[in-house]
Amino acid sequence: MSINGANRLGSNSLPELLVFGARAGRAAAMFAAEEQPPGRQVLAHALDEEARLEEHFLQKKEGGRERVSTIREEMQKTMEESAGIYRSGESLRQGADKLRELQERFRCISLDDPVPLGAVVRAPSDPRGFAVFRLVERAGKTYVEAQVIQIGQTIGNSIEVTSGLSAGQRIVSLGGSLVRNGQEVRVLPGE
């Protein structure tokens, strides 16, 4: 169904999104509110799948040379060029070949030190930048200091840190928005 009749592409997209997106959102919320919590078997399956995905995608691969963001951008460009509004059998074949190539390249990705999303905050010095709070020892006490970072791809509940952190640096991994720069903190045993 289309608001304005025939498939006129871009001119209909925004009104359709607003009208039908709102309707779909309300319907989804009502459906979710009436659903029973998932059973133990469903939760166990979800945890197994999450572990499988983390093992496959979040492990830092030694010697990996491909960046997820580069592959994603090439995939988007390929889809726009080969399967857009104006396409042909040849452009679809070329697009499918390129997607197979990208799928093969994905086996060689390198993830740069993923950290939990809860660790990332806005940089105090730049409201458009990002930071984490690293742990600093001084006079037998532990404090937090904001460390500006560059971020990459978000994957699950983690995000790539492409620069700004060194291997082995300890950071506040959860609740970064709850601490202040220079605040004294207590590290829990085993953390």
N, C-alpha and C. Protein backbone atom coordinates (compact mmCIF):
# COMPACT_ATOMS: atom_id res chain seq x y z
N MET A 1 0.85 -1.18 0.00
CA MET A 1 0.00 0.00 0.00
C MET A 1 0.89 1.23 0.00
N SER A 2 0.51 2.22 -0.75
CA SER A 2 1.26 3.46 -0.84
C SER A 2 0.32 4.63 -0.59
N ILE A 3 0.82 5.64 0.10
CA ILE A 3 -0.01 6.80 0.41
C ILE A 3 -0.41 7.53 -0.86
N ASN A 4 0.52 7.70 -1.76
CA ASN A 4 0.29 8.54 -2.94
C ASN A 4 0.09 7.75 -4.22
N GLY A 5 -0.34 6.53 -4.12
CA GLY A 5 -0.64 5.78 -5.33
C GLY A 5 0.54 4.98 -5.82
N ALA A 6 0.85 5.09 -7.09
CA ALA A 6 1.86 4.26 -7.73
C ALA A 6 3.22 4.44 -7.07
N ASN A 7 4.08 3.53 -7.36
CA ASN A 7 5.41 3.50 -6.76
C ASN A 7 6.26 4.63 -7.34
N ARG A 8 6.23 5.79 -6.68
CA ARG A 8 7.00 6.94 -7.16
C ARG A 8 8.29 7.11 -6.36
N LEU A 9 8.71 6.08 -5.70
CA LEU A 9 10.00 6.00 -5.01
C LEU A 9 10.21 7.09 -3.98
N GLY A 10 11.23 7.91 -4.15
CA GLY A 10 11.67 8.84 -3.12
C GLY A 10 10.61 9.79 -2.60
N SER A 11 9.71 10.23 -3.45
CA SER A 11 8.72 11.21 -2.99
C SER A 11 7.77 10.64 -1.97
N ASN A 12 7.60 9.33 -1.94
CA ASN A 12 6.69 8.70 -0.99
C ASN A 12 7.38 8.20 0.27
N SER A 13 8.67 8.09 0.26
CA SER A 13 9.38 7.42 1.35
C SER A 13 9.16 8.07 2.70
N LEU A 14 9.33 9.36 2.80
CA LEU A 14 9.20 10.02 4.10
C LEU A 14 7.78 9.96 4.65
N PRO A 15 6.74 10.33 3.87
CA PRO A 15 5.39 10.23 4.44
C PRO A 15 5.01 8.81 4.82
N GLU A 16 5.42 7.83 3.99
CA GLU A 16 5.12 6.44 4.33
C GLU A 16 5.84 6.02 5.60
N LEU A 17 7.07 6.43 5.74
CA LEU A 17 7.83 6.11 6.94
C LEU A 17 7.14 6.70 8.17
N LEU A 18 6.72 7.95 8.07
CA LEU A 18 6.08 8.60 9.21
C LEU A 18 4.76 7.94 9.57
N VAL A 19 3.91 7.70 8.59
CA VAL A 19 2.58 7.15 8.86
C VAL A 19 2.67 5.68 9.25
N PHE A 20 3.25 4.88 8.38
CA PHE A 20 3.25 3.45 8.63
C PHE A 20 4.29 3.04 9.67
N GLY A 21 5.37 3.81 9.79
CA GLY A 21 6.34 3.53 10.85
C GLY A 21 5.72 3.73 12.21
N ALA A 22 4.94 4.78 12.37
CA ALA A 22 4.27 5.03 13.65
C ALA A 22 3.27 3.92 13.95
N ARG A 23 2.51 3.51 12.93
CA ARG A 23 1.53 2.44 13.13
C ARG A 23 2.23 1.13 13.49
N ALA A 24 3.30 0.81 12.77
CA ALA A 24 4.02 -0.43 13.03
C ALA A 24 4.66 -0.39 14.42
N GLY A 25 5.19 0.76 14.81
CA GLY A 25 5.79 0.89 16.14
C GLY A 25 4.78 0.66 17.26
N ARG A 26 3.60 1.26 17.13
CA ARG A 26 2.55 1.05 18.14
C ARG A 26 2.12 -0.41 18.20
N ALA A 27 1.94 -1.01 17.03
CA ALA A 27 1.54 -2.42 16.98
C ALA A 27 2.61 -3.32 17.60
N ALA A 28 3.87 -3.04 17.32
CA ALA A 28 4.95 -3.84 17.89
C ALA A 28 5.01 -3.69 19.40
N ALA A 29 4.81 -2.47 19.90
CA ALA A 29 4.82 -2.24 21.35
C ALA A 29 3.67 -2.98 22.02
N MET A 30 2.49 -2.95 21.40
CA MET A 30 1.34 -3.65 21.98
C MET A 30 1.59 -5.16 21.98
N PHE A 31 2.14 -5.67 20.89
CA PHE A 31 2.44 -7.10 20.80
C PHE A 31 3.45 -7.51 21.88
N ALA A 32 4.51 -6.72 22.04
CA ALA A 32 5.55 -7.04 23.03
C ALA A 32 4.99 -6.99 24.44
N ALA A 33 4.09 -6.05 24.70
CA ALA A 33 3.53 -5.93 26.05
C ALA A 33 2.66 -7.12 26.41
N GLU A 34 2.05 -7.76 25.43
CA GLU A 34 1.17 -8.90 25.69
C GLU A 34 1.90 -10.24 25.72
N GLU A 35 3.14 -10.27 25.26
CA GLU A 35 3.90 -11.52 25.19
C GLU A 35 4.39 -11.96 26.57
N GLN A 36 4.45 -13.25 26.76
CA GLN A 36 5.01 -13.82 27.98
C GLN A 36 6.54 -13.77 27.88
N PRO A 37 7.24 -13.68 29.02
CA PRO A 37 8.71 -13.72 28.97
C PRO A 37 9.17 -15.02 28.32
N PRO A 38 10.32 -14.98 27.65
CA PRO A 38 10.81 -16.20 27.00
C PRO A 38 11.16 -17.27 28.03
N GLY A 39 10.96 -18.51 27.64
CA GLY A 39 11.29 -19.63 28.51
C GLY A 39 12.78 -19.87 28.61
N ARG A 40 13.16 -20.78 29.50
CA ARG A 40 14.58 -21.07 29.71
C ARG A 40 15.25 -21.59 28.44
N GLN A 41 14.53 -22.40 27.67
CA GLN A 41 15.11 -22.96 26.46
C GLN A 41 15.43 -21.86 25.45
N VAL A 42 14.53 -20.90 25.30
CA VAL A 42 14.75 -19.80 24.36
C VAL A 42 15.93 -18.94 24.83
N LEU A 43 15.98 -18.67 26.13
CA LEU A 43 17.09 -17.88 26.68
C LEU A 43 18.42 -18.60 26.51
N ALA A 44 18.43 -19.91 26.75
CA ALA A 44 19.66 -20.69 26.59
C ALA A 44 20.13 -20.65 25.13
N HIS A 45 19.18 -20.77 24.20
CA HIS A 45 19.52 -20.71 22.78
C HIS A 45 20.09 -19.33 22.43
N ALA A 46 19.48 -18.28 22.96
CA ALA A 46 19.96 -16.92 22.69
C ALA A 46 21.37 -16.72 23.24
N LEU A 47 21.64 -17.22 24.44
CA LEU A 47 22.98 -17.10 25.02
C LEU A 47 24.01 -17.88 24.21
N ASP A 48 23.64 -19.07 23.74
CA ASP A 48 24.54 -19.85 22.90
C ASP A 48 24.87 -19.11 21.61
N GLU A 49 23.83 -18.52 21.00
CA GLU A 49 24.03 -17.78 19.75
C GLU A 49 24.90 -16.55 19.98
N GLU A 50 24.66 -15.85 21.10
CA GLU A 50 25.47 -14.68 21.42
C GLU A 50 26.93 -15.08 21.59
N ALA A 51 27.19 -16.18 22.29
CA ALA A 51 28.56 -16.65 22.48
C ALA A 51 29.20 -17.02 21.15
N ARG A 52 28.44 -17.67 20.28
CA ARG A 52 28.96 -18.05 18.96
C ARG A 52 29.34 -16.82 18.15
N LEU A 53 28.46 -15.82 18.16
CA LEU A 53 28.74 -14.60 17.40
C LEU A 53 29.93 -13.84 17.97
N GLU A 54 30.02 -13.78 19.29
CA GLU A 54 31.16 -13.10 19.91
C GLU A 54 32.46 -13.80 19.56
N GLU A 55 32.43 -15.15 19.60
CA GLU A 55 33.65 -15.90 19.28
C GLU A 55 34.05 -15.67 17.83
N HIS A 56 33.05 -15.62 16.95
CA HIS A 56 33.35 -15.47 15.52
C HIS A 56 33.74 -14.04 15.15
N PHE A 57 33.03 -13.04 15.72
CA PHE A 57 33.22 -11.67 15.27
C PHE A 57 34.03 -10.79 16.21
N LEU A 58 34.06 -11.09 17.49
CA LEU A 58 34.71 -10.18 18.42
C LEU A 58 36.12 -10.58 18.80
N GLN A 59 36.57 -11.72 18.37
CA GLN A 59 37.94 -12.11 18.68
C GLN A 59 38.88 -11.32 17.79
N LYS A 60 39.88 -10.75 18.40
CA LYS A 60 40.88 -10.02 17.61
C LYS A 60 41.65 -11.05 16.79
N LYS A 61 41.65 -10.87 15.51
CA LYS A 61 42.30 -11.84 14.63
C LYS A 61 43.70 -11.34 14.32
N GLU A 62 44.68 -12.10 14.74
CA GLU A 62 46.06 -11.73 14.48
C GLU A 62 46.32 -11.76 12.99
N GLY A 63 46.94 -10.72 12.51
CA GLY A 63 47.29 -10.67 11.10
C GLY A 63 46.15 -10.25 10.19
N GLY A 64 44.99 -9.97 10.78
CA GLY A 64 43.88 -9.51 9.96
C GLY A 64 44.23 -8.17 9.33
N ARG A 65 43.83 -7.99 8.10
CA ARG A 65 44.22 -6.77 7.40
C ARG A 65 43.02 -5.95 6.97
N GLU A 66 41.82 -6.50 7.09
CA GLU A 66 40.62 -5.80 6.62
C GLU A 66 39.88 -5.15 7.78
N ARG A 67 39.37 -3.96 7.53
CA ARG A 67 38.56 -3.26 8.53
C ARG A 67 37.09 -3.47 8.21
N VAL A 68 36.30 -3.70 9.24
CA VAL A 68 34.87 -3.91 9.06
C VAL A 68 34.24 -2.71 8.37
N SER A 69 34.62 -1.51 8.79
CA SER A 69 34.00 -0.31 8.21
C SER A 69 34.30 -0.18 6.72
N THR A 70 35.49 -0.58 6.29
CA THR A 70 35.84 -0.51 4.87
C THR A 70 34.99 -1.48 4.06
N ILE A 71 34.83 -2.69 4.57
CA ILE A 71 34.01 -3.68 3.88
C ILE A 71 32.56 -3.22 3.83
N ARG A 72 32.06 -2.67 4.94
CA ARG A 72 30.67 -2.18 4.97
C ARG A 72 30.47 -1.08 3.93
N GLU A 73 31.39 -0.12 3.85
CA GLU A 73 31.27 0.97 2.88
C GLU A 73 31.30 0.44 1.44
N GLU A 74 32.18 -0.51 1.16
CA GLU A 74 32.24 -1.08 -0.18
C GLU A 74 30.97 -1.85 -0.51
N MET A 75 30.40 -2.52 0.49
CA MET A 75 29.16 -3.26 0.27
C MET A 75 28.02 -2.28 -0.04
N GLN A 76 27.95 -1.18 0.70
CA GLN A 76 26.91 -0.18 0.44
C GLN A 76 27.04 0.40 -0.96
N LYS A 77 28.27 0.74 -1.34
CA LYS A 77 28.51 1.30 -2.67
C LYS A 77 28.14 0.29 -3.75
N THR A 78 28.50 -0.96 -3.56
CA THR A 78 28.18 -2.01 -4.52
C THR A 78 26.68 -2.15 -4.69
N MET A 79 25.94 -2.15 -3.59
CA MET A 79 24.49 -2.30 -3.66
C MET A 79 23.85 -1.11 -4.37
N GLU A 80 24.33 0.09 -4.07
CA GLU A 80 23.78 1.28 -4.73
C GLU A 80 24.04 1.26 -6.23
N GLU A 81 25.27 0.86 -6.61
CA GLU A 81 25.64 0.89 -8.02
C GLU A 81 25.05 -0.27 -8.82
N SER A 82 24.94 -1.44 -8.22
CA SER A 82 24.54 -2.61 -9.01
C SER A 82 23.08 -3.02 -8.83
N ALA A 83 22.45 -2.64 -7.73
CA ALA A 83 21.07 -3.08 -7.49
C ALA A 83 20.16 -1.91 -7.15
N GLY A 84 20.51 -0.74 -7.65
CA GLY A 84 19.71 0.45 -7.38
C GLY A 84 18.48 0.52 -8.27
N ILE A 85 17.97 1.71 -8.44
CA ILE A 85 16.75 1.92 -9.23
C ILE A 85 16.97 1.49 -10.67
N TYR A 86 18.08 1.91 -11.26
CA TYR A 86 18.39 1.53 -12.63
C TYR A 86 19.41 0.40 -12.59
N ARG A 87 18.99 -0.77 -12.99
CA ARG A 87 19.88 -1.93 -12.94
C ARG A 87 19.62 -2.83 -14.14
N SER A 88 20.56 -3.69 -14.37
CA SER A 88 20.43 -4.65 -15.47
C SER A 88 20.92 -6.00 -14.97
N GLY A 89 20.71 -7.00 -15.77
CA GLY A 89 21.20 -8.33 -15.40
C GLY A 89 22.71 -8.32 -15.21
N GLU A 90 23.40 -7.59 -16.06
CA GLU A 90 24.86 -7.51 -15.96
C GLU A 90 25.30 -6.81 -14.69
N SER A 91 24.64 -5.69 -14.34
CA SER A 91 25.03 -4.99 -13.11
C SER A 91 24.74 -5.85 -11.88
N LEU A 92 23.65 -6.62 -11.91
CA LEU A 92 23.35 -7.52 -10.79
C LEU A 92 24.39 -8.62 -10.67
N ARG A 93 24.83 -9.17 -11.81
CA ARG A 93 25.89 -10.20 -11.78
C ARG A 93 27.19 -9.63 -11.22
N GLN A 94 27.57 -8.43 -11.66
CA GLN A 94 28.78 -7.80 -11.16
C GLN A 94 28.66 -7.52 -9.66
N GLY A 95 27.49 -7.08 -9.24
CA GLY A 95 27.26 -6.83 -7.82
C GLY A 95 27.37 -8.10 -7.00
N ALA A 96 26.79 -9.19 -7.51
CA ALA A 96 26.87 -10.47 -6.79
C ALA A 96 28.32 -10.95 -6.69
N ASP A 97 29.09 -10.76 -7.76
CA ASP A 97 30.52 -11.13 -7.73
C ASP A 97 31.27 -10.32 -6.67
N LYS A 98 31.00 -9.02 -6.64
CA LYS A 98 31.67 -8.15 -5.66
C LYS A 98 31.28 -8.54 -4.23
N LEU A 99 30.02 -8.87 -4.01
CA LEU A 99 29.58 -9.27 -2.68
C LEU A 99 30.25 -10.57 -2.24
N ARG A 100 30.43 -11.51 -3.18
CA ARG A 100 31.16 -12.74 -2.85
C ARG A 100 32.61 -12.42 -2.46
N GLU A 101 33.23 -11.49 -3.20
CA GLU A 101 34.60 -11.07 -2.88
C GLU A 101 34.65 -10.45 -1.48
N LEU A 102 33.69 -9.59 -1.16
CA LEU A 102 33.66 -8.94 0.16
C LEU A 102 33.42 -9.97 1.26
N GLN A 103 32.60 -10.95 0.98
CA GLN A 103 32.35 -12.00 1.97
C GLN A 103 33.64 -12.77 2.26
N GLU A 104 34.42 -13.02 1.22
CA GLU A 104 35.70 -13.70 1.41
C GLU A 104 36.68 -12.81 2.18
N ARG A 105 36.72 -11.53 1.86
CA ARG A 105 37.61 -10.60 2.57
C ARG A 105 37.23 -10.47 4.04
N PHE A 106 35.95 -10.64 4.34
CA PHE A 106 35.50 -10.53 5.72
C PHE A 106 36.17 -11.56 6.62
N ARG A 107 36.63 -12.65 6.04
CA ARG A 107 37.33 -13.69 6.84
C ARG A 107 38.66 -13.16 7.38
N CYS A 108 39.15 -12.07 6.84
CA CYS A 108 40.44 -11.51 7.24
C CYS A 108 40.29 -10.18 7.97
N ILE A 109 39.20 -10.01 8.71
CA ILE A 109 39.02 -8.73 9.40
C ILE A 109 39.93 -8.64 10.61
N SER A 110 40.22 -7.44 10.98
CA SER A 110 40.97 -7.16 12.19
C SER A 110 40.14 -6.20 13.03
N LEU A 111 39.78 -6.63 14.22
CA LEU A 111 39.02 -5.76 15.11
C LEU A 111 40.00 -5.10 16.07
N ASP A 112 39.91 -3.78 16.17
CA ASP A 112 40.80 -3.03 17.03
C ASP A 112 40.21 -2.94 18.44
N ASP A 113 40.81 -3.64 19.37
CA ASP A 113 40.49 -3.58 20.78
C ASP A 113 39.04 -3.19 21.10
N PRO A 114 38.09 -4.11 20.92
CA PRO A 114 36.72 -3.76 21.26
C PRO A 114 36.56 -3.56 22.76
N VAL A 115 35.75 -2.57 23.12
CA VAL A 115 35.43 -2.32 24.54
C VAL A 115 33.92 -2.30 24.66
N PRO A 116 33.39 -2.54 25.86
CA PRO A 116 31.94 -2.49 26.04
C PRO A 116 31.40 -1.09 25.74
N LEU A 117 30.21 -1.03 25.14
CA LEU A 117 29.60 0.26 24.83
C LEU A 117 29.42 1.11 26.09
N GLY A 118 29.16 0.47 27.23
CA GLY A 118 28.95 1.20 28.48
C GLY A 118 30.18 1.92 28.97
N ALA A 119 31.33 1.62 28.37
CA ALA A 119 32.57 2.28 28.78
C ALA A 119 32.78 3.61 28.05
N VAL A 120 32.12 3.79 26.93
CA VAL A 120 32.37 4.95 26.07
C VAL A 120 31.46 6.11 26.47
N VAL A 121 32.07 7.28 26.62
CA VAL A 121 31.34 8.51 26.98
C VAL A 121 31.76 9.62 26.01
N ARG A 122 31.07 10.74 26.07
CA ARG A 122 31.48 11.90 25.29
C ARG A 122 32.76 12.47 25.89
N ALA A 123 33.66 12.90 25.04
CA ALA A 123 34.93 13.46 25.51
C ALA A 123 34.67 14.79 26.20
N PRO A 124 35.23 14.99 27.41
CA PRO A 124 35.02 16.27 28.10
C PRO A 124 35.49 17.48 27.31
N SER A 125 36.53 17.29 26.50
CA SER A 125 37.11 18.41 25.75
C SER A 125 36.45 18.65 24.40
N ASP A 126 35.61 17.70 23.94
CA ASP A 126 35.00 17.81 22.61
C ASP A 126 33.65 17.12 22.63
N PRO A 127 32.55 17.86 22.62
CA PRO A 127 31.24 17.24 22.71
C PRO A 127 30.89 16.32 21.54
N ARG A 128 31.68 16.36 20.47
CA ARG A 128 31.45 15.45 19.35
C ARG A 128 32.40 14.26 19.38
N GLY A 129 33.37 14.28 20.29
CA GLY A 129 34.35 13.20 20.38
C GLY A 129 33.95 12.19 21.45
N PHE A 130 34.78 11.17 21.61
CA PHE A 130 34.51 10.10 22.55
C PHE A 130 35.70 9.87 23.46
N ALA A 131 35.42 9.28 24.62
CA ALA A 131 36.47 8.99 25.59
C ALA A 131 36.07 7.77 26.41
N VAL A 132 37.05 7.22 27.10
CA VAL A 132 36.82 6.22 28.14
C VAL A 132 37.54 6.74 29.38
N PHE A 133 37.17 6.21 30.52
CA PHE A 133 37.89 6.56 31.74
C PHE A 133 38.87 5.45 32.04
N ARG A 134 40.16 5.81 32.04
CA ARG A 134 41.18 4.82 32.37
C ARG A 134 41.51 4.94 33.84
N LEU A 135 41.95 3.83 34.42
CA LEU A 135 42.31 3.80 35.83
C LEU A 135 43.76 4.21 36.00
N VAL A 136 44.00 5.11 36.95
CA VAL A 136 45.34 5.62 37.22
C VAL A 136 45.63 5.46 38.71
N GLU A 137 46.79 4.91 39.03
CA GLU A 137 47.21 4.73 40.44
C GLU A 137 48.08 5.90 40.85
N ARG A 138 47.74 6.53 42.00
CA ARG A 138 48.57 7.61 42.56
C ARG A 138 48.53 7.50 44.08
N ALA A 139 49.69 7.41 44.67
CA ALA A 139 49.82 7.37 46.13
C ALA A 139 48.94 6.30 46.75
N GLY A 140 48.90 5.12 46.12
CA GLY A 140 48.13 4.01 46.67
C GLY A 140 46.62 4.11 46.47
N LYS A 141 46.17 5.09 45.73
CA LYS A 141 44.74 5.23 45.46
C LYS A 141 44.51 5.14 43.95
N THR A 142 43.28 4.80 43.59
CA THR A 142 42.92 4.66 42.18
C THR A 142 41.97 5.78 41.78
N TYR A 143 42.31 6.45 40.69
CA TYR A 143 41.50 7.55 40.16
C TYR A 143 41.16 7.24 38.71
N VAL A 144 40.18 7.97 38.18
CA VAL A 144 39.86 7.83 36.76
C VAL A 144 40.24 9.11 36.04
N GLU A 145 40.75 8.92 34.83
CA GLU A 145 41.09 10.05 33.96
C GLU A 145 40.49 9.79 32.60
N ALA A 146 39.89 10.81 32.03
CA ALA A 146 39.31 10.68 30.69
C ALA A 146 40.43 10.51 29.67
N GLN A 147 40.26 9.56 28.80
CA GLN A 147 41.21 9.30 27.72
C GLN A 147 40.45 9.40 26.40
N VAL A 148 40.79 10.39 25.58
CA VAL A 148 40.11 10.57 24.29
C VAL A 148 40.46 9.41 23.38
N ILE A 149 39.45 8.88 22.71
CA ILE A 149 39.64 7.74 21.80
C ILE A 149 38.96 8.02 20.47
N GLN A 150 39.36 7.26 19.49
CA GLN A 150 38.67 7.24 18.20
C GLN A 150 37.96 5.89 18.13
N ILE A 151 36.71 5.91 17.70
CA ILE A 151 35.96 4.66 17.66
C ILE A 151 35.72 4.23 16.24
N GLY A 152 35.47 2.93 16.10
CA GLY A 152 35.18 2.36 14.79
C GLY A 152 33.80 1.74 14.79
N GLN A 153 33.73 0.52 14.34
CA GLN A 153 32.48 -0.20 14.15
C GLN A 153 31.89 -0.68 15.48
N THR A 154 30.58 -0.54 15.63
CA THR A 154 29.87 -1.13 16.76
C THR A 154 29.48 -2.54 16.38
N ILE A 155 29.80 -3.49 17.25
CA ILE A 155 29.48 -4.89 16.98
C ILE A 155 28.89 -5.46 18.26
N GLY A 156 27.61 -5.77 18.22
CA GLY A 156 26.94 -6.26 19.42
C GLY A 156 26.96 -5.21 20.50
N ASN A 157 27.43 -5.58 21.67
CA ASN A 157 27.53 -4.65 22.80
C ASN A 157 28.94 -4.10 22.96
N SER A 158 29.74 -4.21 21.92
CA SER A 158 31.11 -3.72 21.96
C SER A 158 31.34 -2.74 20.82
N ILE A 159 32.43 -2.00 20.93
CA ILE A 159 32.78 -1.04 19.89
C ILE A 159 34.30 -1.05 19.72
N GLU A 160 34.73 -0.92 18.47
CA GLU A 160 36.16 -0.86 18.18
C GLU A 160 36.75 0.44 18.70
N VAL A 161 37.93 0.37 19.27
CA VAL A 161 38.70 1.57 19.59
C VAL A 161 39.87 1.56 18.62
N THR A 162 39.86 2.51 17.70
CA THR A 162 40.88 2.51 16.65
C THR A 162 42.14 3.27 17.06
N SER A 163 42.03 4.16 18.04
CA SER A 163 43.22 4.83 18.57
C SER A 163 42.87 5.46 19.92
N GLY A 164 43.91 5.69 20.71
CA GLY A 164 43.73 6.35 22.00
C GLY A 164 43.95 5.45 23.19
N LEU A 165 43.92 4.13 23.01
CA LEU A 165 44.18 3.19 24.10
C LEU A 165 45.36 2.30 23.74
N SER A 166 46.10 1.94 24.75
CA SER A 166 47.20 1.00 24.56
C SER A 166 46.81 -0.34 25.14
N ALA A 167 47.41 -1.39 24.63
CA ALA A 167 47.15 -2.73 25.15
C ALA A 167 47.48 -2.77 26.64
N GLY A 168 46.58 -3.36 27.40
CA GLY A 168 46.80 -3.53 28.83
C GLY A 168 46.29 -2.38 29.69
N GLN A 169 45.88 -1.27 29.09
CA GLN A 169 45.34 -0.19 29.91
C GLN A 169 44.02 -0.63 30.52
N ARG A 170 43.84 -0.32 31.80
CA ARG A 170 42.59 -0.68 32.48
C ARG A 170 41.65 0.50 32.40
N ILE A 171 40.37 0.19 32.09
CA ILE A 171 39.37 1.24 31.95
C ILE A 171 38.13 0.90 32.77
N VAL A 172 37.30 1.90 32.99
CA VAL A 172 35.98 1.67 33.58
C VAL A 172 35.17 1.03 32.47
N SER A 173 34.76 -0.21 32.66
CA SER A 173 34.12 -0.94 31.57
C SER A 173 32.60 -0.83 31.56
N LEU A 174 32.02 -0.38 32.65
CA LEU A 174 30.57 -0.23 32.72
C LEU A 174 30.24 0.97 33.58
N GLY A 175 29.34 1.79 33.12
CA GLY A 175 28.95 2.96 33.90
C GLY A 175 29.89 4.13 33.75
N GLY A 176 30.52 4.25 32.59
CA GLY A 176 31.43 5.36 32.35
C GLY A 176 30.77 6.72 32.53
N SER A 177 29.47 6.79 32.30
CA SER A 177 28.77 8.07 32.45
C SER A 177 28.50 8.43 33.90
N LEU A 178 28.81 7.52 34.83
CA LEU A 178 28.52 7.76 36.25
C LEU A 178 29.72 8.30 37.03
N VAL A 179 30.88 8.37 36.40
CA VAL A 179 32.06 8.87 37.09
C VAL A 179 32.48 10.21 36.50
N ARG A 180 33.27 10.95 37.29
CA ARG A 180 33.77 12.25 36.85
C ARG A 180 35.28 12.18 36.70
N ASN A 181 35.82 12.98 35.82
CA ASN A 181 37.25 13.03 35.60
C ASN A 181 37.96 13.37 36.90
N GLY A 182 38.96 12.56 37.27
CA GLY A 182 39.72 12.79 38.50
C GLY A 182 39.11 12.17 39.74
N GLN A 183 37.98 11.54 39.62
CA GLN A 183 37.30 10.95 40.78
C GLN A 183 38.06 9.72 41.28
N GLU A 184 38.12 9.59 42.61
CA GLU A 184 38.71 8.39 43.19
C GLU A 184 37.69 7.26 43.10
N VAL A 185 38.16 6.07 42.74
CA VAL A 185 37.28 4.91 42.61
C VAL A 185 37.88 3.73 43.34
N ARG A 186 37.06 2.73 43.57
CA ARG A 186 37.50 1.49 44.20
C ARG A 186 37.30 0.38 43.18
N VAL A 187 38.35 -0.36 42.87
CA VAL A 187 38.27 -1.46 41.93
C VAL A 187 37.85 -2.69 42.71
N LEU A 188 36.80 -3.36 42.22
CA LEU A 188 36.31 -4.56 42.88
C LEU A 188 37.26 -5.72 42.64
N PRO A 189 37.45 -6.59 43.64
CA PRO A 189 38.35 -7.74 43.47
C PRO A 189 37.93 -8.59 42.26
N GLY A 190 38.92 -9.03 41.52
CA GLY A 190 38.66 -9.88 40.37
C GLY A 190 38.23 -9.11 39.14
N GLU A 191 38.20 -7.81 39.21
CA GLU A 191 37.76 -7.01 38.06
C GLU A 191 38.97 -6.52 37.31
